[in-house]
């Protein structure tokens, strides 16, 4: 505790949160937990303010304390519960290497930052923080792919999840700071092949029929709403598939390299709208309108008013 910075006793909750976030970004999870615990002891549970961050921190810290960190190479490490058999480590390592190679080849990512793949414990409260694949935490020196324990039950699910999350790592590398959520999630959903599943097709069909999410600003609103992630999983899942279908439409007409170049231009400081226009030859509004019309013409929905 002696090397952990804490705000004074009169400090507001935000001061604790800022320090805890700083330790979290450094992946010093024990230090972040100490700051959070001190805040709770002094001021009680800060309703609403810390919930999402606290759940992520607890899940990652519990996984860290129960795991052995195994280095695969200079750019990849695996953090898996230490009671898992060696065969599980080997299978996850093989799939992680293949997913990294596949995404890197398709998006031209060099993986300049190390990546840690962390698998949560079986009883982790993942329903409050992640979708079916997991999430990427961009730390100060590393990118950390955090996965629910259940993905270990299926090699296919492991590959889908790791391709999805390595796509986020690649997007963050091409566009430091990250692209808009609709673009990042849409690209990751497209890359991992989820759009071909019967479940995705059903959600897309219903989403097009409803029509409310055939709009980039509304998709972005879903992805940035912690309340929807906790309370309306169906709307969130629909948004993932619709964003993926928009990126797929883009790739089919302009190629995946067009998406890659747009990400690079966003990373260089160009606005999302200008980056899309410069690499597709159409405005973002026009692209969205043509994608929406294409979905509606397929016979899966009535035209929206």
Protein backbone atom coordinates (compact mmCIF):
# COMPACT_ATOMS: atom_id res chain seq x y z
CA UNK A 1 0.00 0.00 0.00
CA UNK A 2 2.92 2.34 0.62
CA UNK A 3 3.51 2.97 -3.09
CA UNK A 4 -0.17 3.59 -3.85
CA UNK A 5 -1.32 7.17 -4.22
CA UNK A 6 -4.59 8.05 -2.50
CA UNK A 7 -6.41 11.38 -2.45
CA UNK A 8 -6.95 13.18 0.83
CA UNK A 9 -9.79 12.28 3.16
CA UNK A 10 -11.85 15.24 1.90
CA UNK A 11 -11.43 14.30 -1.79
CA UNK A 12 -14.54 13.81 -3.94
CA UNK A 13 -15.35 10.45 -5.47
CA UNK A 14 -14.13 11.63 -8.88
CA UNK A 15 -10.62 12.02 -7.45
CA UNK A 16 -10.63 8.35 -6.42
CA UNK A 17 -12.02 7.33 -9.79
CA UNK A 18 -9.31 9.23 -11.64
CA UNK A 19 -6.55 7.53 -9.64
CA UNK A 20 -8.14 4.09 -9.95
CA UNK A 21 -8.47 4.56 -13.72
CA UNK A 22 -4.80 5.56 -13.94
CA UNK A 23 -3.72 2.35 -12.20
CA UNK A 24 -6.13 0.36 -14.34
CA UNK A 25 -4.59 1.80 -17.52
CA UNK A 26 -1.19 0.71 -16.23
CA UNK A 27 -2.68 -2.77 -15.58
CA UNK A 28 -1.82 -2.38 -11.88
CA UNK A 29 -5.06 -4.03 -10.89
CA UNK A 30 -4.25 -4.59 -7.20
CA UNK A 31 -3.46 -0.88 -6.82
CA UNK A 32 -6.69 0.10 -8.58
CA UNK A 33 -8.67 -2.22 -6.28
CA UNK A 34 -6.98 -0.68 -3.22
CA UNK A 35 -8.06 2.80 -4.30
CA UNK A 36 -11.62 1.62 -4.92
CA UNK A 37 -11.77 -0.15 -1.55
CA UNK A 38 -10.51 2.97 0.21
CA UNK A 39 -13.18 5.05 -1.52
CA UNK A 40 -15.90 2.62 -0.44
CA UNK A 41 -14.62 2.60 3.16
CA UNK A 42 -14.63 6.39 3.35
CA UNK A 43 -17.72 7.30 1.35
CA UNK A 44 -19.78 4.18 0.67
CA UNK A 45 -20.95 2.74 -2.62
CA UNK A 46 -21.06 5.46 -5.31
CA UNK A 47 -24.30 4.43 -7.01
CA UNK A 48 -24.19 4.60 -10.79
CA UNK A 49 -20.82 6.30 -11.07
CA UNK A 50 -18.45 3.34 -10.89
CA UNK A 51 -20.58 0.32 -11.73
CA UNK A 52 -19.27 -0.55 -15.19
CA UNK A 53 -15.63 0.25 -14.38
CA UNK A 54 -15.85 -1.58 -11.05
CA UNK A 55 -17.22 -4.74 -12.67
CA UNK A 56 -14.46 -4.73 -15.28
CA UNK A 57 -11.83 -4.15 -12.63
CA UNK A 58 -13.11 -6.95 -10.39
CA UNK A 59 -13.34 -9.44 -13.27
CA UNK A 60 -9.83 -8.64 -14.49
CA UNK A 61 -8.34 -8.59 -10.98
CA UNK A 62 -9.94 -11.92 -10.01
CA UNK A 63 -8.65 -13.46 -13.23
CA UNK A 64 -5.15 -12.06 -12.59
CA UNK A 65 -5.01 -13.42 -9.05
CA UNK A 66 -6.11 -16.90 -10.16
CA UNK A 67 -3.94 -17.11 -13.28
CA UNK A 68 -0.45 -17.77 -14.50
CA UNK A 69 0.73 -15.34 -17.19
CA UNK A 70 2.45 -17.29 -19.96
CA UNK A 71 4.45 -15.51 -22.64
CA UNK A 72 3.88 -16.91 -26.12
CA UNK A 73 6.24 -14.53 -27.91
CA UNK A 74 7.38 -10.95 -27.59
CA UNK A 75 3.94 -9.61 -28.55
CA UNK A 76 1.51 -12.13 -27.04
CA UNK A 77 0.82 -13.51 -23.56
CA UNK A 78 -1.98 -15.74 -22.25
CA UNK A 79 -3.59 -15.28 -18.81
CA UNK A 80 -5.66 -18.37 -18.04
CA UNK A 81 -6.82 -19.79 -14.68
CA UNK A 82 -3.91 -21.84 -13.37
CA UNK A 83 -6.07 -24.91 -12.71
CA UNK A 84 -6.86 -25.27 -16.42
CA UNK A 85 -5.10 -28.25 -18.06
CA UNK A 86 -2.09 -27.71 -20.29
CA UNK A 87 -4.15 -28.81 -23.29
CA UNK A 88 -6.45 -25.81 -22.80
CA UNK A 89 -3.46 -23.46 -22.72
CA UNK A 90 -2.09 -25.00 -25.88
CA UNK A 91 -5.42 -24.87 -27.72
CA UNK A 92 -6.06 -21.24 -26.76
CA UNK A 93 -2.51 -20.28 -27.72
CA UNK A 94 -2.77 -21.93 -31.13
CA UNK A 95 -6.09 -20.24 -31.89
CA UNK A 96 -4.90 -16.84 -30.63
CA UNK A 97 -1.85 -17.01 -32.90
CA UNK A 98 -4.01 -17.97 -35.88
CA UNK A 99 -6.56 -15.21 -35.17
CA UNK A 100 -3.78 -12.62 -34.82
CA UNK A 101 -2.24 -13.74 -38.10
CA UNK A 102 -5.58 -13.77 -39.94
CA UNK A 103 -6.61 -10.29 -38.82
CA UNK A 104 -3.14 -8.86 -39.29
CA UNK A 105 -3.02 -10.16 -42.85
CA UNK A 106 -6.43 -8.80 -43.77
CA UNK A 107 -6.04 -5.36 -42.17
CA UNK A 108 -2.30 -4.89 -42.50
CA UNK A 109 -1.77 -4.52 -38.75
CA UNK A 110 1.73 -4.90 -37.36
CA UNK A 111 0.68 -5.30 -33.71
CA UNK A 112 3.09 -2.69 -32.44
CA UNK A 113 1.87 -3.12 -28.85
CA UNK A 114 1.93 -6.39 -26.86
CA UNK A 115 -1.39 -8.17 -26.43
CA UNK A 116 -2.51 -10.08 -23.33
CA UNK A 117 -5.37 -12.56 -23.76
CA UNK A 118 -7.16 -12.91 -20.40
CA UNK A 119 -9.88 -15.47 -19.71
CA UNK A 120 -12.22 -14.58 -16.85
CA UNK A 121 -13.19 -17.00 -14.08
CA UNK A 122 -16.35 -19.10 -14.57
CA UNK A 123 -18.34 -17.04 -12.03
CA UNK A 124 -17.29 -13.60 -13.32
CA UNK A 125 -20.09 -11.03 -13.63
CA UNK A 126 -19.64 -10.72 -17.38
CA UNK A 127 -23.31 -10.02 -18.11
CA UNK A 128 -22.85 -6.51 -16.77
CA UNK A 129 -19.88 -5.53 -18.93
CA UNK A 130 -19.49 -7.48 -22.16
CA UNK A 131 -21.25 -9.07 -25.09
CA UNK A 132 -20.79 -12.61 -26.29
CA UNK A 133 -17.21 -12.08 -27.49
CA UNK A 134 -15.59 -10.06 -24.73
CA UNK A 135 -13.86 -6.71 -24.91
CA UNK A 136 -10.48 -5.07 -25.46
CA UNK A 137 -9.01 -2.81 -22.79
CA UNK A 138 -6.41 -0.47 -24.25
CA UNK A 139 -3.89 -0.08 -21.44
CA UNK A 140 -0.93 2.30 -21.37
CA UNK A 141 1.57 -0.23 -22.72
CA UNK A 142 -0.55 -3.17 -23.84
CA UNK A 143 -3.85 -4.14 -25.44
CA UNK A 144 -5.74 -6.62 -23.28
CA UNK A 145 -8.31 -8.97 -24.77
CA UNK A 146 -10.72 -10.08 -22.03
CA UNK A 147 -12.87 -13.13 -22.74
CA UNK A 148 -15.69 -14.91 -20.90
CA UNK A 149 -14.80 -18.37 -19.58
CA UNK A 150 -17.49 -20.10 -21.67
CA UNK A 151 -15.58 -19.52 -24.92
CA UNK A 152 -13.17 -22.28 -23.81
CA UNK A 153 -15.95 -24.82 -24.44
CA UNK A 154 -15.72 -24.47 -28.22
CA UNK A 155 -12.78 -23.96 -30.57
CA UNK A 156 -15.13 -22.28 -33.03
CA UNK A 157 -16.26 -19.79 -30.38
CA UNK A 158 -12.64 -19.18 -29.38
CA UNK A 159 -11.72 -18.36 -32.97
CA UNK A 160 -14.75 -16.11 -33.50
CA UNK A 161 -14.10 -14.23 -30.26
CA UNK A 162 -10.38 -13.79 -30.89
CA UNK A 163 -10.83 -12.66 -34.50
CA UNK A 164 -13.45 -10.17 -33.29
CA UNK A 165 -11.21 -8.79 -30.55
CA UNK A 166 -7.99 -8.78 -32.60
CA UNK A 167 -9.96 -6.71 -35.13
CA UNK A 168 -10.45 -4.14 -32.37
CA UNK A 169 -6.73 -4.25 -31.60
CA UNK A 170 -5.96 -3.69 -35.28
CA UNK A 171 -8.50 -0.85 -35.56
CA UNK A 172 -6.95 0.86 -32.55
CA UNK A 173 -3.51 0.54 -34.13
CA UNK A 174 -4.65 1.97 -37.47
CA UNK A 175 -6.73 4.70 -35.80
CA UNK A 176 -5.10 5.46 -32.42
CA UNK A 177 -7.80 6.43 -29.97
CA UNK A 178 -10.20 4.17 -31.81
CA UNK A 179 -12.79 4.77 -34.56
CA UNK A 180 -16.47 5.46 -33.90
CA UNK A 181 -18.11 2.52 -32.19
CA UNK A 182 -20.38 1.66 -35.13
CA UNK A 183 -17.32 1.32 -37.36
CA UNK A 184 -15.18 -0.57 -34.86
CA UNK A 185 -17.93 -3.00 -33.85
CA UNK A 186 -19.20 -3.33 -37.40
CA UNK A 187 -15.75 -4.20 -38.72
CA UNK A 188 -15.10 -6.71 -35.92
CA UNK A 189 -18.48 -8.37 -36.49
CA UNK A 190 -17.81 -8.56 -40.22
CA UNK A 191 -14.28 -9.91 -39.74
CA UNK A 192 -15.24 -12.80 -37.46
CA UNK A 193 -17.91 -14.12 -39.83
CA UNK A 194 -20.86 -13.72 -37.47
CA UNK A 195 -23.06 -12.33 -40.24
CA UNK A 196 -23.37 -15.75 -41.89
CA UNK A 197 -25.00 -17.43 -38.89
CA UNK A 198 -28.76 -18.13 -38.77
CA UNK A 199 -28.97 -16.08 -35.56
CA UNK A 200 -27.43 -13.04 -37.24
CA UNK A 201 -29.72 -13.34 -40.26
CA UNK A 202 -32.76 -13.49 -37.99
CA UNK A 203 -31.68 -10.43 -36.00
CA UNK A 204 -30.86 -8.50 -39.18
CA UNK A 205 -34.22 -9.37 -40.70
CA UNK A 206 -36.07 -8.14 -37.61
CA UNK A 207 -33.83 -5.08 -37.34
CA UNK A 208 -34.53 -4.07 -40.93
CA UNK A 209 -38.23 -4.69 -40.46
CA UNK A 210 -38.26 -2.45 -37.38
CA UNK A 211 -36.11 0.15 -39.14
CA UNK A 212 -35.09 2.23 -36.13
CA UNK A 213 -31.42 1.20 -36.20
CA UNK A 214 -30.88 1.71 -39.94
CA UNK A 215 -29.14 4.93 -39.01
CA UNK A 216 -25.53 5.49 -37.93
CA UNK A 217 -26.31 7.93 -35.15
CA UNK A 218 -28.79 5.49 -33.63
CA UNK A 219 -26.32 2.60 -33.92
CA UNK A 220 -23.71 4.75 -32.20
CA UNK A 221 -26.21 5.59 -29.49
CA UNK A 222 -26.75 1.91 -28.74
CA UNK A 223 -23.03 1.16 -28.54
CA UNK A 224 -22.39 4.02 -26.14
CA UNK A 225 -25.29 3.26 -23.78
CA UNK A 226 -24.28 1.24 -20.70
CA UNK A 227 -27.97 1.03 -19.74
CA UNK A 228 -28.86 -0.80 -22.97
CA UNK A 229 -25.95 -3.22 -22.50
CA UNK A 230 -27.39 -4.18 -19.10
CA UNK A 231 -31.12 -3.99 -19.81
CA UNK A 232 -31.76 -4.62 -23.51
CA UNK A 233 -29.40 -7.28 -24.88
CA UNK A 234 -31.60 -7.85 -27.91
CA UNK A 235 -31.30 -4.27 -29.15
CA UNK A 236 -27.53 -4.35 -28.58
CA UNK A 237 -27.13 -7.61 -30.46
CA UNK A 238 -29.23 -6.24 -33.33
CA UNK A 239 -26.97 -3.17 -33.46
CA UNK A 240 -23.86 -5.37 -33.75
CA UNK A 241 -25.28 -7.29 -36.70
CA UNK A 242 -26.62 -4.22 -38.48
CA UNK A 243 -23.30 -2.39 -38.08
CA UNK A 244 -21.58 -5.49 -39.41
CA UNK A 245 -23.91 -5.59 -42.40
CA UNK A 246 -23.12 -1.94 -43.15
CA UNK A 247 -19.39 -2.67 -43.14
CA UNK A 248 -20.00 -5.77 -45.28
CA UNK A 249 -21.92 -3.62 -47.79
CA UNK A 250 -18.98 -1.19 -47.82
CA UNK A 251 -16.43 -3.98 -48.35
CA UNK A 252 -18.46 -5.58 -51.14
CA UNK A 253 -18.49 -2.33 -53.10
CA UNK A 254 -15.16 -0.70 -52.25
CA UNK A 255 -13.02 -3.48 -50.80
CA UNK A 256 -11.61 -4.06 -47.33
CA UNK A 257 -8.62 -1.83 -48.11
CA UNK A 258 -11.03 1.10 -48.38
CA UNK A 259 -12.06 0.51 -44.76
CA UNK A 260 -8.41 0.19 -43.74
CA UNK A 261 -7.48 3.47 -45.44
CA UNK A 262 -10.42 5.22 -43.77
CA UNK A 263 -9.18 4.03 -40.37
CA UNK A 264 -5.68 5.31 -41.10
CA UNK A 265 -7.06 8.71 -42.09
CA UNK A 266 -9.15 8.85 -38.93
CA UNK A 267 -5.99 8.07 -37.00
CA UNK A 268 -4.26 10.95 -38.80
CA UNK A 269 -6.90 13.32 -37.50
CA UNK A 270 -9.40 13.35 -40.36
CA UNK A 271 -13.06 13.34 -39.36
CA UNK A 272 -15.03 10.14 -39.81
CA UNK A 273 -17.19 11.73 -42.50
CA UNK A 274 -14.24 12.99 -44.54
CA UNK A 275 -12.34 9.71 -44.13
CA UNK A 276 -15.28 7.68 -45.44
CA UNK A 277 -15.88 10.10 -48.31
CA UNK A 278 -12.22 10.15 -49.36
CA UNK A 279 -11.96 6.35 -49.53
CA UNK A 280 -15.39 5.47 -50.93
CA UNK A 281 -16.17 8.38 -53.23
CA UNK A 282 -19.49 8.96 -51.49
CA UNK A 283 -20.58 10.81 -48.39
CA UNK A 284 -21.30 8.93 -45.20
CA UNK A 285 -24.92 9.99 -45.51
CA UNK A 286 -25.12 8.64 -49.07
CA UNK A 287 -23.43 5.39 -48.07
CA UNK A 288 -25.86 4.89 -45.22
CA UNK A 289 -28.85 5.72 -47.45
CA UNK A 290 -27.77 3.27 -50.16
CA UNK A 291 -27.07 0.53 -47.59
CA UNK A 292 -30.50 1.07 -46.03
CA UNK A 293 -32.20 1.00 -49.43
CA UNK A 294 -30.33 -2.18 -50.34
CA UNK A 295 -31.49 -3.87 -47.14
CA UNK A 296 -35.07 -2.80 -47.74
CA UNK A 297 -35.07 -3.87 -51.40
CA UNK A 298 -34.04 -7.35 -50.36
CA UNK A 299 -37.64 -7.83 -49.25
CA UNK A 300 -36.91 -7.97 -45.54
CA UNK A 301 -38.74 -4.77 -44.64
CA UNK A 302 -41.14 -2.09 -45.73
CA UNK A 303 -39.52 1.24 -46.56
CA UNK A 304 -39.24 3.49 -43.51
CA UNK A 305 -41.13 6.75 -43.50
